[in-house]
Amino acid sequence: MSNLSKIKSEIEKYAIESNLNELQIVEKIESHFFNKKVNENLKLYKKGKKKVSEITKSLKISPRKFYAILEKKNIQHKKYNK
């Protein structure tokens, strides 16, 4: 068995055990790993080791979305006027 087929079989087993379908499980896994990656980048941002542009490129999100995440987590940042 390849690694991908192992993952597929585990997801199918979990789908049978829970009341979720496979797509809902994949969405939850995706959000978990996205939040994990965001938290790692936020730590670097707080220390000043990583810039917003670098973070948004690595996470593939817009700067507005990143600033919304900062607002949500009550992290201080500079606000620029348009």
PDB file of N, CA and C in Angstrom:
ATOM      1  N   MET A   1       0.828  -1.195   0.000  1.00  0.00           N
ATOM      2  CA  MET A   1       0.000   0.000   0.000  1.00  0.00           C
ATOM      3  C   MET A   1       0.865   1.249   0.000  1.00  0.00           C
ATOM      4  N   SER A   2       0.469   2.209  -0.781  1.00  0.00           N
ATOM      5  CA  SER A   2       1.178   3.480  -0.762  1.00  0.00           C
ATOM      6  C   SER A   2       0.662   4.312   0.405  1.00  0.00           C
ATOM      7  N   ASN A   3       1.370   5.372   0.709  1.00  0.00           N
ATOM      8  CA  ASN A   3       0.984   6.222   1.828  1.00  0.00           C
ATOM      9  C   ASN A   3      -0.371   6.872   1.595  1.00  0.00           C
ATOM     10  N   LEU A   4      -0.631   7.269   0.348  1.00  0.00           N
ATOM     11  CA  LEU A   4      -1.894   7.918   0.044  1.00  0.00           C
ATOM     12  C   LEU A   4      -3.073   6.967   0.226  1.00  0.00           C
ATOM     13  N   SER A   5      -2.892   5.733  -0.171  1.00  0.00           N
ATOM     14  CA  SER A   5      -3.985   4.776   0.002  1.00  0.00           C
ATOM     15  C   SER A   5      -4.230   4.465   1.483  1.00  0.00           C
ATOM     16  N   LYS A   6      -3.177   4.508   2.287  1.00  0.00           N
ATOM     17  CA  LYS A   6      -3.344   4.326   3.732  1.00  0.00           C
ATOM     18  C   LYS A   6      -4.175   5.465   4.320  1.00  0.00           C
ATOM     19  N   ILE A   7      -3.859   6.673   3.880  1.00  0.00           N
ATOM     20  CA  ILE A   7      -4.596   7.842   4.367  1.00  0.00           C
ATOM     21  C   ILE A   7      -6.052   7.757   3.943  1.00  0.00           C
ATOM     22  N   LYS A   8      -6.284   7.391   2.698  1.00  0.00           N
ATOM     23  CA  LYS A   8      -7.657   7.255   2.193  1.00  0.00           C
ATOM     24  C   LYS A   8      -8.441   6.234   3.014  1.00  0.00           C
ATOM     25  N   SER A   9      -7.813   5.093   3.283  1.00  0.00           N
ATOM     26  CA  SER A   9      -8.519   4.055   4.044  1.00  0.00           C
ATOM     27  C   SER A   9      -8.815   4.517   5.464  1.00  0.00           C
ATOM     28  N   GLU A  10      -7.894   5.263   6.075  1.00  0.00           N
ATOM     29  CA  GLU A  10      -8.126   5.785   7.427  1.00  0.00           C
ATOM     30  C   GLU A  10      -9.268   6.789   7.436  1.00  0.00           C
ATOM     31  N   ILE A  11      -9.325   7.631   6.417  1.00  0.00           N
ATOM     32  CA  ILE A  11     -10.411   8.611   6.327  1.00  0.00           C
ATOM     33  C   ILE A  11     -11.740   7.898   6.145  1.00  0.00           C
ATOM     34  N   GLU A  12     -11.753   6.873   5.311  1.00  0.00           N
ATOM     35  CA  GLU A  12     -12.990   6.113   5.106  1.00  0.00           C
ATOM     36  C   GLU A  12     -13.433   5.408   6.384  1.00  0.00           C
ATOM     37  N   LYS A  13     -12.486   4.853   7.121  1.00  0.00           N
ATOM     38  CA  LYS A  13     -12.818   4.212   8.401  1.00  0.00           C
ATOM     39  C   LYS A  13     -13.403   5.233   9.376  1.00  0.00           C
ATOM     40  N   TYR A  14     -12.764   6.400   9.459  1.00  0.00           N
ATOM     41  CA  TYR A  14     -13.241   7.443  10.371  1.00  0.00           C
ATOM     42  C   TYR A  14     -14.622   7.934   9.958  1.00  0.00           C
ATOM     43  N   ALA A  15     -14.863   8.011   8.646  1.00  0.00           N
ATOM     44  CA  ALA A  15     -16.168   8.456   8.150  1.00  0.00           C
ATOM     45  C   ALA A  15     -17.261   7.473   8.545  1.00  0.00           C
ATOM     46  N   ILE A  16     -16.947   6.203   8.523  1.00  0.00           N
ATOM     47  CA  ILE A  16     -17.920   5.182   8.922  1.00  0.00           C
ATOM     48  C   ILE A  16     -18.207   5.278  10.421  1.00  0.00           C
ATOM     49  N   GLU A  17     -17.148   5.499  11.225  1.00  0.00           N
ATOM     50  CA  GLU A  17     -17.308   5.580  12.678  1.00  0.00           C
ATOM     51  C   GLU A  17     -18.051   6.844  13.112  1.00  0.00           C
ATOM     52  N   SER A  18     -17.793   7.954  12.431  1.00  0.00           N
ATOM     53  CA  SER A  18     -18.435   9.214  12.803  1.00  0.00           C
ATOM     54  C   SER A  18     -19.604   9.470  11.865  1.00  0.00           C
ATOM     55  N   ASN A  19     -20.321  10.522  12.124  1.00  0.00           N
ATOM     56  CA  ASN A  19     -21.459  10.872  11.287  1.00  0.00           C
ATOM     57  C   ASN A  19     -21.090  11.886  10.215  1.00  0.00           C
ATOM     58  N   LEU A  20     -19.815  11.956   9.862  1.00  0.00           N
ATOM     59  CA  LEU A  20     -19.343  12.907   8.868  1.00  0.00           C
ATOM     60  C   LEU A  20     -19.028  12.181   7.562  1.00  0.00           C
ATOM     61  N   ASN A  21     -19.105  12.935   6.454  1.00  0.00           N
ATOM     62  CA  ASN A  21     -18.662  12.323   5.211  1.00  0.00           C
ATOM     63  C   ASN A  21     -17.189  12.660   4.982  1.00  0.00           C
ATOM     64  N   GLU A  22     -16.609  12.098   3.945  1.00  0.00           N
ATOM     65  CA  GLU A  22     -15.172  12.240   3.715  1.00  0.00           C
ATOM     66  C   GLU A  22     -14.756  13.690   3.474  1.00  0.00           C
ATOM     67  N   LEU A  23     -15.581  14.432   2.742  1.00  0.00           N
ATOM     68  CA  LEU A  23     -15.230  15.832   2.462  1.00  0.00           C
ATOM     69  C   LEU A  23     -15.210  16.681   3.726  1.00  0.00           C
ATOM     70  N   GLN A  24     -16.136  16.445   4.634  1.00  0.00           N
ATOM     71  CA  GLN A  24     -16.153  17.194   5.888  1.00  0.00           C
ATOM     72  C   GLN A  24     -14.899  16.888   6.707  1.00  0.00           C
ATOM     73  N   ILE A  25     -14.468  15.653   6.692  1.00  0.00           N
ATOM     74  CA  ILE A  25     -13.260  15.262   7.424  1.00  0.00           C
ATOM     75  C   ILE A  25     -12.042  15.956   6.828  1.00  0.00           C
ATOM     76  N   VAL A  26     -11.951  15.974   5.504  1.00  0.00           N
ATOM     77  CA  VAL A  26     -10.813  16.612   4.836  1.00  0.00           C
ATOM     78  C   VAL A  26     -10.810  18.116   5.120  1.00  0.00           C
ATOM     79  N   GLU A  27     -11.975  18.751   5.141  1.00  0.00           N
ATOM     80  CA  GLU A  27     -12.046  20.179   5.456  1.00  0.00           C
ATOM     81  C   GLU A  27     -11.564  20.459   6.872  1.00  0.00           C
ATOM     82  N   LYS A  28     -11.935  19.597   7.812  1.00  0.00           N
ATOM     83  CA  LYS A  28     -11.476  19.780   9.193  1.00  0.00           C
ATOM     84  C   LYS A  28      -9.966  19.604   9.299  1.00  0.00           C
ATOM     85  N   ILE A  29      -9.433  18.629   8.583  1.00  0.00           N
ATOM     86  CA  ILE A  29      -7.985  18.402   8.592  1.00  0.00           C
ATOM     87  C   ILE A  29      -7.273  19.597   7.972  1.00  0.00           C
ATOM     88  N   GLU A  30      -7.822  20.119   6.878  1.00  0.00           N
ATOM     89  CA  GLU A  30      -7.221  21.262   6.209  1.00  0.00           C
ATOM     90  C   GLU A  30      -7.210  22.484   7.121  1.00  0.00           C
ATOM     91  N   SER A  31      -8.318  22.749   7.787  1.00  0.00           N
ATOM     92  CA  SER A  31      -8.367  23.911   8.681  1.00  0.00           C
ATOM     93  C   SER A  31      -7.413  23.742   9.856  1.00  0.00           C
ATOM     94  N   HIS A  32      -7.259  22.514  10.348  1.00  0.00           N
ATOM     95  CA  HIS A  32      -6.337  22.248  11.456  1.00  0.00           C
ATOM     96  C   HIS A  32      -4.902  22.579  11.053  1.00  0.00           C
ATOM     97  N   PHE A  33      -4.479  22.076   9.901  1.00  0.00           N
ATOM     98  CA  PHE A  33      -3.103  22.310   9.479  1.00  0.00           C
ATOM     99  C   PHE A  33      -2.874  23.753   9.047  1.00  0.00           C
ATOM    100  N   PHE A  34      -3.897  24.414   8.503  1.00  0.00           N
ATOM    101  CA  PHE A  34      -3.769  25.836   8.166  1.00  0.00           C
ATOM    102  C   PHE A  34      -3.577  26.654   9.435  1.00  0.00           C
ATOM    103  N   ASN A  35      -4.378  26.379  10.465  1.00  0.00           N
ATOM    104  CA  ASN A  35      -4.249  27.108  11.733  1.00  0.00           C
ATOM    105  C   ASN A  35      -2.892  26.848  12.378  1.00  0.00           C
ATOM    106  N   LYS A  36      -2.399  25.630  12.243  1.00  0.00           N
ATOM    107  CA  LYS A  36      -1.087  25.296  12.790  1.00  0.00           C
ATOM    108  C   LYS A  36      -0.002  26.124  12.100  1.00  0.00           C
ATOM    109  N   LYS A  37      -0.085  26.228  10.773  1.00  0.00           N
ATOM    110  CA  LYS A  37       0.893  26.990  10.010  1.00  0.00           C
ATOM    111  C   LYS A  37       0.782  28.485  10.328  1.00  0.00           C
ATOM    112  N   VAL A  38      -0.451  28.978  10.497  1.00  0.00           N
ATOM    113  CA  VAL A  38      -0.662  30.387  10.848  1.00  0.00           C
ATOM    114  C   VAL A  38      -0.025  30.687  12.194  1.00  0.00           C
ATOM    115  N   ASN A  39      -0.229  29.832  13.171  1.00  0.00           N
ATOM    116  CA  ASN A  39       0.331  30.064  14.504  1.00  0.00           C
ATOM    117  C   ASN A  39       1.855  30.074  14.484  1.00  0.00           C
ATOM    118  N   GLU A  40       2.468  29.196  13.680  1.00  0.00           N
ATOM    119  CA  GLU A  40       3.929  29.210  13.565  1.00  0.00           C
ATOM    120  C   GLU A  40       4.407  30.534  12.989  1.00  0.00           C
ATOM    121  N   ASN A  41       3.721  31.005  11.948  1.00  0.00           N
ATOM    122  CA  ASN A  41       4.113  32.265  11.314  1.00  0.00           C
ATOM    123  C   ASN A  41       3.847  33.464  12.218  1.00  0.00           C
ATOM    124  N   LEU A  42       2.790  33.403  13.029  1.00  0.00           N
ATOM    125  CA  LEU A  42       2.503  34.511  13.950  1.00  0.00           C
ATOM    126  C   LEU A  42       3.601  34.652  14.994  1.00  0.00           C
ATOM    127  N   LYS A  43       4.143  33.542  15.448  1.00  0.00           N
ATOM    128  CA  LYS A  43       5.245  33.608  16.409  1.00  0.00           C
ATOM    129  C   LYS A  43       6.438  34.325  15.795  1.00  0.00           C
ATOM    130  N   LEU A  44       6.749  33.999  14.543  1.00  0.00           N
ATOM    131  CA  LEU A  44       7.860  34.662  13.861  1.00  0.00           C
ATOM    132  C   LEU A  44       7.552  36.128  13.597  1.00  0.00           C
ATOM    133  N   TYR A  45       6.299  36.437  13.301  1.00  0.00           N
ATOM    134  CA  TYR A  45       5.900  37.833  13.059  1.00  0.00           C
ATOM    135  C   TYR A  45       6.048  38.660  14.330  1.00  0.00           C
ATOM    136  N   LYS A  46       5.648  38.094  15.462  1.00  0.00           N
ATOM    137  CA  LYS A  46       5.757  38.816  16.735  1.00  0.00           C
ATOM    138  C   LYS A  46       7.210  39.125  17.067  1.00  0.00           C
ATOM    139  N   LYS A  47       8.110  38.199  16.749  1.00  0.00           N
ATOM    140  CA  LYS A  47       9.523  38.395  17.027  1.00  0.00           C
ATOM    141  C   LYS A  47      10.189  39.310  16.009  1.00  0.00           C
ATOM    142  N   GLY A  48       9.479  39.612  14.917  1.00  0.00           N
ATOM    143  CA  GLY A  48      10.030  40.477  13.885  1.00  0.00           C
ATOM    144  C   GLY A  48      10.947  39.765  12.919  1.00  0.00           C
ATOM    145  N   LYS A  49      10.882  38.445  12.886  1.00  0.00           N
ATOM    146  CA  LYS A  49      11.761  37.675  12.013  1.00  0.00           C
ATOM    147  C   LYS A  49      11.148  37.403  10.645  1.00  0.00           C
ATOM    148  N   LYS A  50       9.862  37.665  10.500  1.00  0.00           N
ATOM    149  CA  LYS A  50       9.201  37.407   9.233  1.00  0.00           C
ATOM    150  C   LYS A  50       8.252  38.555   8.920  1.00  0.00           C
ATOM    151  N   LYS A  51       8.254  38.995   7.664  1.00  0.00           N
ATOM    152  CA  LYS A  51       7.416  40.111   7.250  1.00  0.00           C
ATOM    153  C   LYS A  51       6.068  39.602   6.770  1.00  0.00           C
ATOM    154  N   VAL A  52       5.109  40.514   6.681  1.00  0.00           N
ATOM    155  CA  VAL A  52       3.761  40.181   6.246  1.00  0.00           C
ATOM    156  C   VAL A  52       3.782  39.610   4.833  1.00  0.00           C
ATOM    157  N   SER A  53       4.578  40.196   3.953  1.00  0.00           N
ATOM    158  CA  SER A  53       4.613  39.726   2.566  1.00  0.00           C
ATOM    159  C   SER A  53       5.123  38.290   2.477  1.00  0.00           C
ATOM    160  N   GLU A  54       6.103  37.942   3.290  1.00  0.00           N
ATOM    161  CA  GLU A  54       6.627  36.575   3.297  1.00  0.00           C
ATOM    162  C   GLU A  54       5.584  35.597   3.820  1.00  0.00           C
ATOM    163  N   ILE A  55       4.873  36.007   4.851  1.00  0.00           N
ATOM    164  CA  ILE A  55       3.860  35.140   5.451  1.00  0.00           C
ATOM    165  C   ILE A  55       2.702  34.913   4.488  1.00  0.00           C
ATOM    166  N   THR A  56       2.247  35.983   3.839  1.00  0.00           N
ATOM    167  CA  THR A  56       1.114  35.841   2.931  1.00  0.00           C
ATOM    168  C   THR A  56       1.480  34.994   1.712  1.00  0.00           C
ATOM    169  N   LYS A  57       2.726  35.063   1.275  1.00  0.00           N
ATOM    170  CA  LYS A  57       3.158  34.206   0.169  1.00  0.00           C
ATOM    171  C   LYS A  57       3.189  32.744   0.584  1.00  0.00           C
ATOM    172  N   SER A  58       3.708  32.457   1.764  1.00  0.00           N
ATOM    173  CA  SER A  58       3.817  31.066   2.200  1.00  0.00           C
ATOM    174  C   SER A  58       2.452  30.461   2.518  1.00  0.00           C
ATOM    175  N   LEU A  59       1.520  31.271   3.038  1.00  0.00           N
ATOM    176  CA  LEU A  59       0.182  30.766   3.360  1.00  0.00           C
ATOM    177  C   LEU A  59      -0.787  30.869   2.183  1.00  0.00           C
ATOM    178  N   LYS A  60      -0.366  31.594   1.146  1.00  0.00           N
ATOM    179  CA  LYS A  60      -1.201  31.816  -0.038  1.00  0.00           C
ATOM    180  C   LYS A  60      -2.526  32.479   0.330  1.00  0.00           C
ATOM    181  N   ILE A  61      -2.415  33.561   1.121  1.00  0.00           N
ATOM    182  CA  ILE A  61      -3.592  34.356   1.484  1.00  0.00           C
ATOM    183  C   ILE A  61      -3.289  35.814   1.184  1.00  0.00           C
ATOM    184  N   SER A  62      -4.323  36.632   1.178  1.00  0.00           N
ATOM    185  CA  SER A  62      -4.142  38.061   0.927  1.00  0.00           C
ATOM    186  C   SER A  62      -3.691  38.761   2.210  1.00  0.00           C
ATOM    187  N   PRO A  63      -3.036  39.907   2.062  1.00  0.00           N
ATOM    188  CA  PRO A  63      -2.652  40.659   3.257  1.00  0.00           C
ATOM    189  C   PRO A  63      -3.848  41.075   4.098  1.00  0.00           C
ATOM    190  N   ARG A  64      -4.972  41.384   3.456  1.00  0.00           N
ATOM    191  CA  ARG A  64      -6.166  41.748   4.226  1.00  0.00           C
ATOM    192  C   ARG A  64      -6.612  40.610   5.124  1.00  0.00           C
ATOM    193  N   LYS A  65      -6.558  39.405   4.600  1.00  0.00           N
ATOM    194  CA  LYS A  65      -6.960  38.248   5.404  1.00  0.00           C
ATOM    195  C   LYS A  65      -5.986  38.048   6.566  1.00  0.00           C
ATOM    196  N   PHE A  66      -4.702  38.281   6.303  1.00  0.00           N
ATOM    197  CA  PHE A  66      -3.720  38.146   7.378  1.00  0.00           C
ATOM    198  C   PHE A  66      -3.944  39.189   8.460  1.00  0.00           C
ATOM    199  N   TYR A  67      -4.225  40.435   8.054  1.00  0.00           N
ATOM    200  CA  TYR A  67      -4.494  41.481   9.041  1.00  0.00           C
ATOM    201  C   TYR A  67      -5.784  41.176   9.816  1.00  0.00           C
ATOM    202  N   ALA A  68      -6.752  40.539   9.159  1.00  0.00           N
ATOM    203  CA  ALA A  68      -7.972  40.140   9.864  1.00  0.00           C
ATOM    204  C   ALA A  68      -7.658  39.081  10.915  1.00  0.00           C
ATOM    205  N   ILE A  69      -6.738  38.182  10.599  1.00  0.00           N
ATOM    206  CA  ILE A  69      -6.313  37.166  11.574  1.00  0.00           C
ATOM    207  C   ILE A  69      -5.623  37.847  12.753  1.00  0.00           C
ATOM    208  N   LEU A  70      -4.785  38.855  12.458  1.00  0.00           N
ATOM    209  CA  LEU A  70      -4.118  39.596  13.534  1.00  0.00           C
ATOM    210  C   LEU A  70      -5.133  40.300  14.425  1.00  0.00           C
ATOM    211  N   GLU A  71      -6.136  40.923  13.818  1.00  0.00           N
ATOM    212  CA  GLU A  71      -7.189  41.593  14.594  1.00  0.00           C
ATOM    213  C   GLU A  71      -7.929  40.590  15.470  1.00  0.00           C
ATOM    214  N   LYS A  72      -8.241  39.438  14.906  1.00  0.00           N
ATOM    215  CA  LYS A  72      -8.995  38.417  15.621  1.00  0.00           C
ATOM    216  C   LYS A  72      -8.233  37.906  16.844  1.00  0.00           C
ATOM    217  N   LYS A  73      -6.906  37.811  16.701  1.00  0.00           N
ATOM    218  CA  LYS A  73      -6.077  37.294  17.791  1.00  0.00           C
ATOM    219  C   LYS A  73      -5.507  38.399  18.670  1.00  0.00           C
ATOM    220  N   ASN A  74      -5.961  39.636  18.440  1.00  0.00           N
ATOM    221  CA  ASN A  74      -5.544  40.807  19.232  1.00  0.00           C
ATOM    222  C   ASN A  74      -4.031  40.991  19.262  1.00  0.00           C
ATOM    223  N   ILE A  75      -3.417  40.920  18.090  1.00  0.00           N
ATOM    224  CA  ILE A  75      -1.980  41.127  17.963  1.00  0.00           C
ATOM    225  C   ILE A  75      -1.750  42.532  17.405  1.00  0.00           C
ATOM    226  N   GLN A  76      -0.844  43.270  18.041  1.00  0.00           N
ATOM    227  CA  GLN A  76      -0.560  44.641  17.633  1.00  0.00           C
ATOM    228  C   GLN A  76       0.110  44.651  16.264  1.00  0.00           C
ATOM    229  N   HIS A  77      -0.334  45.569  15.403  1.00  0.00           N
ATOM    230  CA  HIS A  77       0.287  45.774  14.097  1.00  0.00           C
ATOM    231  C   HIS A  77       0.031  47.205  13.659  1.00  0.00           C
ATOM    232  N   LYS A  78       0.802  47.647  12.693  1.00  0.00           N
ATOM    233  CA  LYS A  78       0.646  49.009  12.183  1.00  0.00           C
ATOM    234  C   LYS A  78      -0.544  49.039  11.226  1.00  0.00           C
ATOM    235  N   LYS A  79      -1.323  50.100  11.336  1.00  0.00           N
ATOM    236  CA  LYS A  79      -2.427  50.307  10.413  1.00  0.00           C
ATOM    237  C   LYS A  79      -2.027  51.393   9.444  1.00  0.00           C
ATOM    238  N   TYR A  80      -2.130  51.078   8.179  1.00  0.00           N
ATOM    239  CA  TYR A  80      -1.749  52.028   7.137  1.00  0.00           C
ATOM    240  C   TYR A  80      -3.003  52.656   6.545  1.00  0.00           C
ATOM    241  N   ASN A  81      -2.952  53.957   6.285  1.00  0.00           N
ATOM    242  CA  ASN A  81      -4.060  54.645   5.642  1.00  0.00           C
ATOM    243  C   ASN A  81      -3.954  54.471   4.140  1.00  0.00           C
ATOM    244  N   LYS A  82      -5.101  54.361   3.507  1.00  0.00           N
ATOM    245  CA  LYS A  82      -5.105  54.213   2.051  1.00  0.00           C
ATOM    246  C   LYS A  82      -4.981  55.545   1.380  1.00  0.00           C
TER     247      LYS A  82
END
